Structures are given as structure tokens and as C-alpha cells.
Amino acid sequence: MLETDRLVLRKIERSDAQRVFDHWLSDDRVMDNLIKGAHKSVSETIERVTEIVRNYDSKEFCYWAIELKTSGELIGAIDLFNFDSLTENCEVGYSIGYKWWNKGYGTEALRAVIDFGFRQMNIHKISAAHNLDNPASGKIMRKIGMEQEGTIKHMIRNAKNHYKDCAVYGLLQEDYFKNVK
């Protein structure tokens, strides 16, 4: 579990499935930026949440539900993934429900997870990518110190079968520690 001023980042639980579905996985505005697309039924979400809960047995599985401290509302999720043991690098991804966009929650959650990755897991580099038609995600990455390293054409194909160009960002542990307050 991680805590920030306004958020609790915690393990997702099977009992969260309905809220996960309602708050972001069923919303095209959120899911259009991801490969799999919006869930059409809560049974899809139950299956996904069950898979996530099962993976917590692995010590390298880092997936958090993002919850508001004051209300307990579940507003999104964030994870570290694609760990490479040779380079000690990984990636980060996140989704925030539309109702909570532009309130700084994505930045706050990403900052906490980046800090955890560098301090607790001794990760060398954390990377992230966003569709070029989702510049708000890049803004979040830049706010926490990530730098754009390039653009990859047709990096993903979304659920609507559209190829998307993506901006790729990265942050080295040594640069993070130079700039962290």
C-alpha cells in the first residue's frame, strides 16, 4: 500500500469489480487510449479483476487500485510491468476514471509509484508511452520528471482497429534522485 496526500494506492480486490467497471473500464473516453477497449459487461471486469488478484502472488506484480482518501471512491489503477531483469528496467501504465480527470490525481499516483519503483525496487529506468491523441497523459509524465525520448509510429492498435502513434517517455533512477526534493 502507498499513500499520498489525497490518495491510497492499494491492492485491488474481487469486491471492487463493479466499481472498476462503472468508474473506468466501461468508459470509452478512458479505454479508447488502451489496446483492449471498454468492457461491455461487468463479467469481463470480474474476470480481469480475478486475474489481477491471482497475480499478487508474484513479488514482481505491482498493480494498485487508486482510491480517494476522503471518500474511499475507487478512481483508477496504476501498475509497473514488463520488468527486464537484465536491464532492471520496467514500464508504468495508468487509467483514471473520466470523472476524476484534470484534478491532479494521475500525477499524484504516478509520482508515488515512480518513487516506490526507484527507492524500494531499485529500478534503473521506468518508461511509459501514450497515444499522441492523448496529450494529457504526456503532461502527467512530464510533471513527474519523465522526458520524451521519441515517437513510435503505429505502436499499438486499439480495440477499434486503429493504429496509434505513441510518444515514449523515460526516467532514469539517477536523474530522479538528482531532481527529487
N, C-alpha and C. Protein backbone atom coordinates (compact mmCIF):
# COMPACT_ATOMS: atom_id res chain seq x y z
N MET A 1 0.84 -1.19 0.00
CA MET A 1 0.00 0.00 0.00
C MET A 1 0.88 1.25 0.00
N LEU A 2 0.48 2.22 -0.81
CA LEU A 2 1.17 3.50 -0.86
C LEU A 2 0.16 4.59 -0.54
N GLU A 3 0.62 5.65 0.11
CA GLU A 3 -0.27 6.77 0.43
C GLU A 3 0.34 8.07 -0.05
N THR A 4 -0.51 8.96 -0.51
CA THR A 4 -0.11 10.32 -0.86
C THR A 4 -1.02 11.26 -0.06
N ASP A 5 -0.93 12.54 -0.34
CA ASP A 5 -1.78 13.49 0.39
C ASP A 5 -3.26 13.17 0.23
N ARG A 6 -3.67 12.82 -1.00
CA ARG A 6 -5.10 12.63 -1.26
C ARG A 6 -5.50 11.22 -1.64
N LEU A 7 -4.51 10.34 -1.83
CA LEU A 7 -4.79 9.01 -2.39
C LEU A 7 -4.27 7.87 -1.52
N VAL A 8 -4.91 6.74 -1.65
CA VAL A 8 -4.41 5.46 -1.15
C VAL A 8 -4.27 4.56 -2.37
N LEU A 9 -3.08 4.02 -2.57
CA LEU A 9 -2.85 3.04 -3.63
C LEU A 9 -2.76 1.69 -2.94
N ARG A 10 -3.68 0.81 -3.29
CA ARG A 10 -3.79 -0.46 -2.59
C ARG A 10 -4.05 -1.60 -3.57
N LYS A 11 -3.94 -2.81 -3.05
CA LYS A 11 -4.28 -3.97 -3.88
C LYS A 11 -5.75 -3.90 -4.27
N ILE A 12 -6.01 -4.29 -5.49
CA ILE A 12 -7.39 -4.38 -5.93
C ILE A 12 -7.98 -5.67 -5.36
N GLU A 13 -9.26 -5.67 -5.08
CA GLU A 13 -9.93 -6.85 -4.52
C GLU A 13 -11.09 -7.26 -5.42
N ARG A 14 -11.46 -8.52 -5.35
CA ARG A 14 -12.58 -9.00 -6.17
C ARG A 14 -13.84 -8.17 -5.95
N SER A 15 -14.04 -7.71 -4.72
CA SER A 15 -15.24 -6.92 -4.40
C SER A 15 -15.23 -5.55 -5.07
N ASP A 16 -14.11 -5.15 -5.68
CA ASP A 16 -14.01 -3.87 -6.37
C ASP A 16 -14.55 -3.92 -7.80
N ALA A 17 -14.83 -5.10 -8.32
CA ALA A 17 -15.12 -5.28 -9.75
C ALA A 17 -16.22 -4.36 -10.28
N GLN A 18 -17.32 -4.23 -9.56
CA GLN A 18 -18.41 -3.39 -10.06
C GLN A 18 -17.97 -1.93 -10.17
N ARG A 19 -17.25 -1.44 -9.18
CA ARG A 19 -16.78 -0.05 -9.21
C ARG A 19 -15.73 0.15 -10.31
N VAL A 20 -14.86 -0.83 -10.51
CA VAL A 20 -13.87 -0.75 -11.58
C VAL A 20 -14.59 -0.64 -12.93
N PHE A 21 -15.60 -1.46 -13.12
CA PHE A 21 -16.40 -1.42 -14.35
C PHE A 21 -17.08 -0.06 -14.50
N ASP A 22 -17.77 0.38 -13.46
CA ASP A 22 -18.54 1.63 -13.52
C ASP A 22 -17.66 2.86 -13.69
N HIS A 23 -16.51 2.90 -13.01
CA HIS A 23 -15.72 4.12 -12.94
C HIS A 23 -14.73 4.31 -14.08
N TRP A 24 -14.27 3.22 -14.73
CA TRP A 24 -13.37 3.43 -15.87
C TRP A 24 -13.35 2.33 -16.91
N LEU A 25 -13.45 1.08 -16.57
CA LEU A 25 -13.28 0.05 -17.59
C LEU A 25 -14.42 0.00 -18.62
N SER A 26 -15.58 0.52 -18.29
CA SER A 26 -16.69 0.52 -19.26
C SER A 26 -16.79 1.84 -20.03
N ASP A 27 -15.90 2.78 -19.78
CA ASP A 27 -15.98 4.13 -20.34
C ASP A 27 -15.07 4.26 -21.56
N ASP A 28 -15.67 4.46 -22.73
CA ASP A 28 -14.89 4.62 -23.96
C ASP A 28 -13.92 5.80 -23.89
N ARG A 29 -14.28 6.85 -23.17
CA ARG A 29 -13.40 8.02 -23.08
C ARG A 29 -12.07 7.65 -22.43
N VAL A 30 -12.10 6.72 -21.49
CA VAL A 30 -10.89 6.26 -20.81
C VAL A 30 -10.23 5.14 -21.61
N MET A 31 -11.02 4.19 -22.02
CA MET A 31 -10.46 2.96 -22.60
C MET A 31 -10.04 3.09 -24.06
N ASP A 32 -10.47 4.14 -24.74
CA ASP A 32 -10.06 4.33 -26.13
C ASP A 32 -8.55 4.50 -26.24
N ASN A 33 -7.92 4.91 -25.14
CA ASN A 33 -6.47 5.10 -25.14
C ASN A 33 -5.71 3.81 -24.89
N LEU A 34 -6.41 2.71 -24.67
CA LEU A 34 -5.77 1.43 -24.37
C LEU A 34 -6.07 0.41 -25.47
N ILE A 35 -5.31 -0.66 -25.49
CA ILE A 35 -5.40 -1.65 -26.54
C ILE A 35 -6.70 -2.44 -26.49
N LYS A 36 -7.16 -2.80 -25.30
CA LYS A 36 -8.27 -3.74 -25.19
C LYS A 36 -9.65 -3.12 -25.34
N GLY A 37 -9.79 -1.84 -25.15
CA GLY A 37 -11.09 -1.21 -25.29
C GLY A 37 -11.98 -1.38 -24.07
N ALA A 38 -13.11 -0.69 -24.10
CA ALA A 38 -14.03 -0.68 -22.96
C ALA A 38 -14.69 -2.04 -22.77
N HIS A 39 -14.90 -2.40 -21.52
CA HIS A 39 -15.63 -3.63 -21.20
C HIS A 39 -17.11 -3.41 -21.49
N LYS A 40 -17.75 -4.43 -22.05
CA LYS A 40 -19.17 -4.36 -22.37
C LYS A 40 -20.04 -4.89 -21.25
N SER A 41 -19.47 -5.71 -20.38
CA SER A 41 -20.25 -6.29 -19.27
C SER A 41 -19.38 -6.39 -18.03
N VAL A 42 -20.03 -6.37 -16.89
CA VAL A 42 -19.30 -6.47 -15.63
C VAL A 42 -18.62 -7.84 -15.51
N SER A 43 -19.13 -8.85 -16.21
CA SER A 43 -18.48 -10.17 -16.16
C SER A 43 -17.06 -10.12 -16.73
N GLU A 44 -16.85 -9.29 -17.75
CA GLU A 44 -15.49 -9.08 -18.29
C GLU A 44 -14.58 -8.50 -17.20
N THR A 45 -15.11 -7.54 -16.47
CA THR A 45 -14.34 -6.88 -15.42
C THR A 45 -14.06 -7.84 -14.27
N ILE A 46 -15.04 -8.64 -13.91
CA ILE A 46 -14.84 -9.64 -12.85
C ILE A 46 -13.70 -10.58 -13.24
N GLU A 47 -13.69 -11.00 -14.49
CA GLU A 47 -12.63 -11.88 -14.99
C GLU A 47 -11.26 -11.19 -14.90
N ARG A 48 -11.19 -9.93 -15.31
CA ARG A 48 -9.93 -9.17 -15.26
C ARG A 48 -9.46 -8.97 -13.82
N VAL A 49 -10.37 -8.56 -12.94
CA VAL A 49 -10.02 -8.33 -11.54
C VAL A 49 -9.56 -9.64 -10.89
N THR A 50 -10.22 -10.74 -11.19
CA THR A 50 -9.82 -12.04 -10.67
C THR A 50 -8.40 -12.40 -11.11
N GLU A 51 -8.08 -12.11 -12.36
CA GLU A 51 -6.73 -12.36 -12.89
C GLU A 51 -5.70 -11.51 -12.15
N ILE A 52 -6.03 -10.24 -11.91
CA ILE A 52 -5.12 -9.35 -11.18
C ILE A 52 -4.87 -9.87 -9.77
N VAL A 53 -5.94 -10.21 -9.06
CA VAL A 53 -5.82 -10.70 -7.69
C VAL A 53 -4.96 -11.96 -7.64
N ARG A 54 -5.13 -12.84 -8.61
CA ARG A 54 -4.34 -14.08 -8.68
C ARG A 54 -2.85 -13.77 -8.85
N ASN A 55 -2.53 -12.72 -9.57
CA ASN A 55 -1.14 -12.38 -9.85
C ASN A 55 -0.41 -11.75 -8.67
N TYR A 56 -1.13 -11.34 -7.63
CA TYR A 56 -0.46 -10.75 -6.47
C TYR A 56 0.49 -11.72 -5.79
N ASP A 57 0.40 -13.00 -6.07
CA ASP A 57 1.33 -13.98 -5.50
C ASP A 57 2.76 -13.76 -6.00
N SER A 58 2.92 -13.14 -7.15
CA SER A 58 4.24 -12.87 -7.70
C SER A 58 4.81 -11.60 -7.08
N LYS A 59 6.06 -11.66 -6.62
CA LYS A 59 6.66 -10.48 -5.97
C LYS A 59 6.94 -9.35 -6.97
N GLU A 60 6.96 -9.66 -8.25
CA GLU A 60 7.20 -8.63 -9.25
C GLU A 60 5.89 -8.08 -9.82
N PHE A 61 4.77 -8.43 -9.24
CA PHE A 61 3.49 -7.92 -9.72
C PHE A 61 3.13 -6.69 -8.91
N CYS A 62 3.10 -5.55 -9.58
CA CYS A 62 2.87 -4.27 -8.91
C CYS A 62 1.68 -3.58 -9.56
N TYR A 63 0.51 -3.81 -9.01
CA TYR A 63 -0.73 -3.25 -9.55
C TYR A 63 -1.53 -2.68 -8.39
N TRP A 64 -1.87 -1.40 -8.49
CA TRP A 64 -2.58 -0.74 -7.41
C TRP A 64 -3.91 -0.17 -7.88
N ALA A 65 -4.92 -0.29 -7.06
CA ALA A 65 -6.15 0.47 -7.23
C ALA A 65 -5.87 1.86 -6.66
N ILE A 66 -6.43 2.89 -7.29
CA ILE A 66 -6.25 4.26 -6.81
C ILE A 66 -7.56 4.68 -6.15
N GLU A 67 -7.46 5.01 -4.87
CA GLU A 67 -8.64 5.32 -4.08
C GLU A 67 -8.49 6.70 -3.44
N LEU A 68 -9.57 7.47 -3.42
CA LEU A 68 -9.53 8.77 -2.75
C LEU A 68 -9.57 8.55 -1.24
N LYS A 69 -8.67 9.20 -0.52
CA LYS A 69 -8.61 9.05 0.93
C LYS A 69 -9.90 9.52 1.61
N THR A 70 -10.41 10.64 1.18
CA THR A 70 -11.54 11.24 1.89
C THR A 70 -12.84 10.46 1.73
N SER A 71 -13.10 9.94 0.52
CA SER A 71 -14.39 9.31 0.25
C SER A 71 -14.31 7.79 0.08
N GLY A 72 -13.11 7.26 -0.15
CA GLY A 72 -12.97 5.83 -0.44
C GLY A 72 -13.37 5.48 -1.85
N GLU A 73 -13.65 6.50 -2.69
CA GLU A 73 -14.02 6.22 -4.08
C GLU A 73 -12.84 5.63 -4.83
N LEU A 74 -13.11 4.61 -5.62
CA LEU A 74 -12.10 3.98 -6.46
C LEU A 74 -12.10 4.73 -7.78
N ILE A 75 -10.98 5.36 -8.14
CA ILE A 75 -10.97 6.25 -9.30
C ILE A 75 -10.09 5.77 -10.45
N GLY A 76 -9.29 4.73 -10.23
CA GLY A 76 -8.42 4.27 -11.30
C GLY A 76 -7.47 3.19 -10.84
N ALA A 77 -6.48 2.95 -11.69
CA ALA A 77 -5.47 1.92 -11.40
C ALA A 77 -4.14 2.33 -12.01
N ILE A 78 -3.07 1.82 -11.45
CA ILE A 78 -1.72 2.10 -11.93
C ILE A 78 -0.87 0.87 -11.68
N ASP A 79 0.05 0.59 -12.62
CA ASP A 79 0.89 -0.60 -12.43
C ASP A 79 2.27 -0.42 -13.04
N LEU A 80 3.21 -1.17 -12.49
CA LEU A 80 4.53 -1.35 -13.06
C LEU A 80 4.52 -2.72 -13.73
N PHE A 81 5.08 -2.82 -14.94
CA PHE A 81 5.02 -4.08 -15.68
C PHE A 81 6.20 -4.19 -16.64
N ASN A 82 6.27 -5.31 -17.34
CA ASN A 82 7.36 -5.58 -18.29
C ASN A 82 8.73 -5.40 -17.66
N PHE A 83 8.90 -6.04 -16.51
CA PHE A 83 10.20 -5.99 -15.82
C PHE A 83 11.24 -6.75 -16.63
N ASP A 84 12.40 -6.13 -16.84
CA ASP A 84 13.51 -6.76 -17.53
C ASP A 84 14.64 -6.93 -16.52
N SER A 85 14.91 -8.17 -16.12
CA SER A 85 15.90 -8.42 -15.07
C SER A 85 17.33 -8.10 -15.54
N LEU A 86 17.59 -8.14 -16.83
CA LEU A 86 18.93 -7.83 -17.33
C LEU A 86 19.24 -6.33 -17.26
N THR A 87 18.27 -5.51 -17.60
CA THR A 87 18.49 -4.06 -17.59
C THR A 87 17.97 -3.39 -16.32
N GLU A 88 17.17 -4.10 -15.55
CA GLU A 88 16.50 -3.57 -14.37
C GLU A 88 15.58 -2.41 -14.73
N ASN A 89 14.95 -2.51 -15.90
CA ASN A 89 14.02 -1.51 -16.39
C ASN A 89 12.60 -2.07 -16.34
N CYS A 90 11.62 -1.18 -16.34
CA CYS A 90 10.22 -1.59 -16.43
C CYS A 90 9.41 -0.45 -17.02
N GLU A 91 8.11 -0.69 -17.16
CA GLU A 91 7.19 0.31 -17.68
C GLU A 91 6.13 0.60 -16.63
N VAL A 92 5.47 1.73 -16.80
CA VAL A 92 4.36 2.11 -15.93
C VAL A 92 3.17 2.46 -16.81
N GLY A 93 1.98 2.11 -16.33
CA GLY A 93 0.75 2.45 -17.03
C GLY A 93 -0.32 2.82 -16.02
N TYR A 94 -1.27 3.63 -16.43
CA TYR A 94 -2.31 4.06 -15.50
C TYR A 94 -3.58 4.41 -16.26
N SER A 95 -4.70 4.32 -15.55
CA SER A 95 -6.01 4.74 -16.05
C SER A 95 -6.73 5.44 -14.91
N ILE A 96 -7.31 6.57 -15.23
CA ILE A 96 -8.09 7.33 -14.26
C ILE A 96 -9.50 7.50 -14.84
N GLY A 97 -10.51 7.27 -14.03
CA GLY A 97 -11.88 7.47 -14.47
C GLY A 97 -12.13 8.90 -14.92
N TYR A 98 -12.96 9.05 -15.95
CA TYR A 98 -13.20 10.36 -16.56
C TYR A 98 -13.64 11.42 -15.55
N LYS A 99 -14.47 11.03 -14.61
CA LYS A 99 -14.99 11.96 -13.60
C LYS A 99 -13.86 12.64 -12.82
N TRP A 100 -12.68 12.00 -12.78
CA TRP A 100 -11.57 12.50 -11.96
C TRP A 100 -10.42 13.05 -12.79
N TRP A 101 -10.63 13.23 -14.10
CA TRP A 101 -9.60 13.82 -14.95
C TRP A 101 -9.37 15.28 -14.57
N ASN A 102 -8.15 15.73 -14.81
CA ASN A 102 -7.76 17.14 -14.63
C ASN A 102 -7.88 17.62 -13.18
N LYS A 103 -7.66 16.73 -12.25
CA LYS A 103 -7.69 17.10 -10.83
C LYS A 103 -6.33 16.80 -10.15
N GLY A 104 -5.34 16.35 -10.94
CA GLY A 104 -4.02 16.08 -10.41
C GLY A 104 -3.84 14.69 -9.82
N TYR A 105 -4.87 13.85 -9.86
CA TYR A 105 -4.77 12.51 -9.26
C TYR A 105 -3.79 11.61 -10.03
N GLY A 106 -3.78 11.71 -11.35
CA GLY A 106 -2.85 10.91 -12.15
C GLY A 106 -1.41 11.25 -11.81
N THR A 107 -1.11 12.53 -11.70
CA THR A 107 0.23 12.97 -11.36
C THR A 107 0.63 12.48 -9.97
N GLU A 108 -0.28 12.60 -9.04
CA GLU A 108 -0.02 12.20 -7.65
C GLU A 108 0.24 10.69 -7.56
N ALA A 109 -0.57 9.90 -8.25
CA ALA A 109 -0.40 8.44 -8.23
C ALA A 109 0.90 8.04 -8.93
N LEU A 110 1.17 8.65 -10.08
CA LEU A 110 2.38 8.31 -10.82
C LEU A 110 3.62 8.67 -10.02
N ARG A 111 3.62 9.82 -9.38
CA ARG A 111 4.76 10.23 -8.56
C ARG A 111 5.03 9.20 -7.45
N ALA A 112 3.98 8.72 -6.81
CA ALA A 112 4.14 7.74 -5.72
C ALA A 112 4.69 6.41 -6.23
N VAL A 113 4.21 5.97 -7.38
CA VAL A 113 4.66 4.69 -7.93
C VAL A 113 6.09 4.78 -8.46
N ILE A 114 6.42 5.89 -9.09
CA ILE A 114 7.80 6.10 -9.56
C ILE A 114 8.75 6.10 -8.36
N ASP A 115 8.39 6.81 -7.32
CA ASP A 115 9.23 6.85 -6.12
C ASP A 115 9.39 5.45 -5.53
N PHE A 116 8.32 4.70 -5.44
CA PHE A 116 8.37 3.33 -4.94
C PHE A 116 9.29 2.48 -5.81
N GLY A 117 9.15 2.58 -7.11
CA GLY A 117 9.97 1.79 -8.03
C GLY A 117 11.46 2.06 -7.87
N PHE A 118 11.81 3.32 -7.74
CA PHE A 118 13.23 3.67 -7.62
C PHE A 118 13.78 3.40 -6.22
N ARG A 119 13.03 3.71 -5.19
CA ARG A 119 13.52 3.55 -3.82
C ARG A 119 13.41 2.12 -3.29
N GLN A 120 12.27 1.49 -3.51
CA GLN A 120 12.03 0.17 -2.91
C GLN A 120 12.46 -0.99 -3.81
N MET A 121 12.34 -0.80 -5.12
CA MET A 121 12.64 -1.90 -6.04
C MET A 121 13.99 -1.71 -6.74
N ASN A 122 14.60 -0.55 -6.55
CA ASN A 122 15.89 -0.23 -7.16
C ASN A 122 15.87 -0.39 -8.68
N ILE A 123 14.79 0.06 -9.29
CA ILE A 123 14.66 0.00 -10.75
C ILE A 123 15.59 1.04 -11.35
N HIS A 124 16.23 0.67 -12.45
CA HIS A 124 17.18 1.55 -13.14
C HIS A 124 16.46 2.61 -13.97
N LYS A 125 15.44 2.19 -14.74
CA LYS A 125 14.71 3.10 -15.62
C LYS A 125 13.25 2.69 -15.69
N ILE A 126 12.37 3.69 -15.65
CA ILE A 126 10.94 3.45 -15.81
C ILE A 126 10.49 4.19 -17.07
N SER A 127 9.81 3.48 -17.94
CA SER A 127 9.33 4.03 -19.21
C SER A 127 7.81 4.04 -19.24
N ALA A 128 7.27 4.86 -20.11
CA ALA A 128 5.83 4.92 -20.32
C ALA A 128 5.58 5.41 -21.74
N ALA A 129 4.38 5.16 -22.23
CA ALA A 129 4.00 5.64 -23.56
C ALA A 129 2.55 6.09 -23.53
N HIS A 130 2.23 7.03 -24.41
CA HIS A 130 0.84 7.44 -24.56
C HIS A 130 0.54 7.71 -26.03
N ASN A 131 -0.71 7.48 -26.40
CA ASN A 131 -1.15 7.80 -27.76
C ASN A 131 -0.98 9.31 -27.97
N LEU A 132 -0.59 9.69 -29.17
CA LEU A 132 -0.42 11.12 -29.44
C LEU A 132 -1.73 11.89 -29.33
N ASP A 133 -2.86 11.20 -29.49
CA ASP A 133 -4.14 11.89 -29.35
C ASP A 133 -4.62 11.93 -27.89
N ASN A 134 -3.71 11.61 -26.97
CA ASN A 134 -3.99 11.71 -25.53
C ASN A 134 -2.88 12.52 -24.87
N PRO A 135 -2.74 13.79 -25.24
CA PRO A 135 -1.62 14.60 -24.72
C PRO A 135 -1.67 14.81 -23.21
N ALA A 136 -2.84 14.68 -22.59
CA ALA A 136 -2.94 14.88 -21.13
C ALA A 136 -2.07 13.85 -20.40
N SER A 137 -1.97 12.65 -20.94
CA SER A 137 -1.14 11.63 -20.30
C SER A 137 0.34 12.03 -20.36
N GLY A 138 0.77 12.59 -21.48
CA GLY A 138 2.14 13.07 -21.59
C GLY A 138 2.43 14.21 -20.63
N LYS A 139 1.43 15.04 -20.39
CA LYS A 139 1.58 16.14 -19.43
C LYS A 139 1.84 15.60 -18.03
N ILE A 140 1.13 14.54 -17.66
CA ILE A 140 1.33 13.89 -16.36
C ILE A 140 2.76 13.36 -16.27
N MET A 141 3.22 12.70 -17.32
CA MET A 141 4.58 12.13 -17.33
C MET A 141 5.63 13.22 -17.17
N ARG A 142 5.46 14.31 -17.89
CA ARG A 142 6.44 15.42 -17.79
C ARG A 142 6.43 16.05 -16.40
N LYS A 143 5.26 16.16 -15.79
CA LYS A 143 5.17 16.77 -14.46
C LYS A 143 5.99 16.03 -13.42
N ILE A 144 6.13 14.71 -13.57
CA ILE A 144 6.90 13.97 -12.57
C ILE A 144 8.36 13.79 -12.99
N GLY A 145 8.76 14.39 -14.10
CA GLY A 145 10.16 14.39 -14.49
C GLY A 145 10.53 13.46 -15.63
N MET A 146 9.54 12.76 -16.19
CA MET A 146 9.86 11.90 -17.33
C MET A 146 10.13 12.78 -18.56
N GLU A 147 11.01 12.30 -19.43
CA GLU A 147 11.34 13.03 -20.65
C GLU A 147 10.92 12.23 -21.86
N GLN A 148 10.39 12.94 -22.86
CA GLN A 148 10.02 12.24 -24.09
C GLN A 148 11.29 11.84 -24.82
N GLU A 149 11.35 10.56 -25.18
CA GLU A 149 12.54 10.02 -25.85
C GLU A 149 12.31 9.80 -27.33
N GLY A 150 11.07 9.90 -27.76
CA GLY A 150 10.79 9.71 -29.17
C GLY A 150 9.33 9.38 -29.40
N THR A 151 9.03 9.11 -30.67
CA THR A 151 7.69 8.73 -31.08
C THR A 151 7.81 7.45 -31.90
N ILE A 152 6.92 6.52 -31.63
CA ILE A 152 6.90 5.27 -32.39
C ILE A 152 5.60 5.24 -33.19
N LYS A 153 5.73 5.18 -34.51
CA LYS A 153 4.56 5.14 -35.37
C LYS A 153 3.86 3.79 -35.24
N HIS A 154 2.55 3.84 -35.18
CA HIS A 154 1.71 2.64 -35.13
C HIS A 154 2.17 1.66 -34.04
N MET A 155 2.49 2.20 -32.88
CA MET A 155 2.98 1.38 -31.77
C MET A 155 1.92 0.41 -31.26
N ILE A 156 0.67 0.86 -31.26
CA ILE A 156 -0.42 -0.02 -30.81
C ILE A 156 -1.55 0.00 -31.84
N ARG A 157 -2.41 -0.99 -31.71
CA ARG A 157 -3.67 -0.99 -32.45
C ARG A 157 -4.76 -1.13 -31.41
N ASN A 158 -5.65 -0.15 -31.35
CA ASN A 158 -6.66 -0.16 -30.30
C ASN A 158 -7.82 -1.10 -30.64
N ALA A 159 -8.79 -1.15 -29.75
CA ALA A 159 -9.92 -2.07 -29.91
C ALA A 159 -10.78 -1.73 -31.13
N LYS A 160 -10.68 -0.50 -31.61
CA LYS A 160 -11.43 -0.10 -32.81
C LYS A 160 -10.63 -0.36 -34.07
N ASN A 161 -9.53 -1.09 -33.92
CA ASN A 161 -8.67 -1.50 -35.02
C ASN A 161 -7.94 -0.32 -35.67
N HIS A 162 -7.73 0.76 -34.91
CA HIS A 162 -6.99 1.91 -35.39
C HIS A 162 -5.56 1.84 -34.85
N TYR A 163 -4.61 2.02 -35.74
CA TYR A 163 -3.23 2.12 -35.30
C TYR A 163 -3.01 3.49 -34.67
N LYS A 164 -2.22 3.52 -33.62
CA LYS A 164 -1.95 4.76 -32.90
C LYS A 164 -0.44 4.98 -32.80
N ASP A 165 -0.03 6.21 -33.11
CA ASP A 165 1.35 6.61 -32.86
C ASP A 165 1.46 6.96 -31.38
N CYS A 166 2.59 6.61 -30.78
CA CYS A 166 2.76 6.84 -29.34
C CYS A 166 4.04 7.60 -29.05
N ALA A 167 3.96 8.50 -28.10
CA ALA A 167 5.13 9.18 -27.56
C ALA A 167 5.67 8.29 -26.44
N VAL A 168 6.97 8.09 -26.43
CA VAL A 168 7.62 7.23 -25.44
C VAL A 168 8.43 8.12 -24.50
N TYR A 169 8.25 7.88 -23.20
CA TYR A 169 8.91 8.66 -22.16
C TYR A 169 9.76 7.74 -21.29
N GLY A 170 10.74 8.31 -20.62
CA GLY A 170 11.55 7.54 -19.70
C GLY A 170 12.10 8.41 -18.59
N LEU A 171 12.47 7.75 -17.51
CA LEU A 171 13.11 8.42 -16.38
C LEU A 171 14.11 7.46 -15.77
N LEU A 172 15.35 7.91 -15.67
CA LEU A 172 16.39 7.11 -15.03
C LEU A 172 16.38 7.36 -13.53
N GLN A 173 16.71 6.32 -12.77
CA GLN A 173 16.78 6.45 -11.31
C GLN A 173 17.73 7.58 -10.91
N GLU A 174 18.90 7.64 -11.54
CA GLU A 174 19.89 8.65 -11.16
C GLU A 174 19.36 10.07 -11.42
N ASP A 175 18.62 10.27 -12.49
CA ASP A 175 18.05 11.58 -12.78
C ASP A 175 16.94 11.91 -11.79
N TYR A 176 16.16 10.91 -11.43
CA TYR A 176 15.09 11.11 -10.46
C TYR A 176 15.66 11.59 -9.13
N PHE A 177 16.72 10.91 -8.66
CA PHE A 177 17.29 11.28 -7.36
C PHE A 177 17.99 12.64 -7.40
N LYS A 178 18.48 13.07 -8.57
CA LYS A 178 19.08 14.40 -8.69
C LYS A 178 18.03 15.50 -8.51
N ASN A 179 16.81 15.20 -8.97
CA ASN A 179 15.78 16.24 -9.03
C ASN A 179 14.71 16.15 -7.96
N VAL A 180 14.66 15.04 -7.22
CA VAL A 180 13.62 14.87 -6.21
C VAL A 180 13.91 15.76 -5.01
N LYS A 181 12.84 16.28 -4.46
CA LYS A 181 13.00 17.18 -3.29
C LYS A 181 12.81 16.43 -2.01
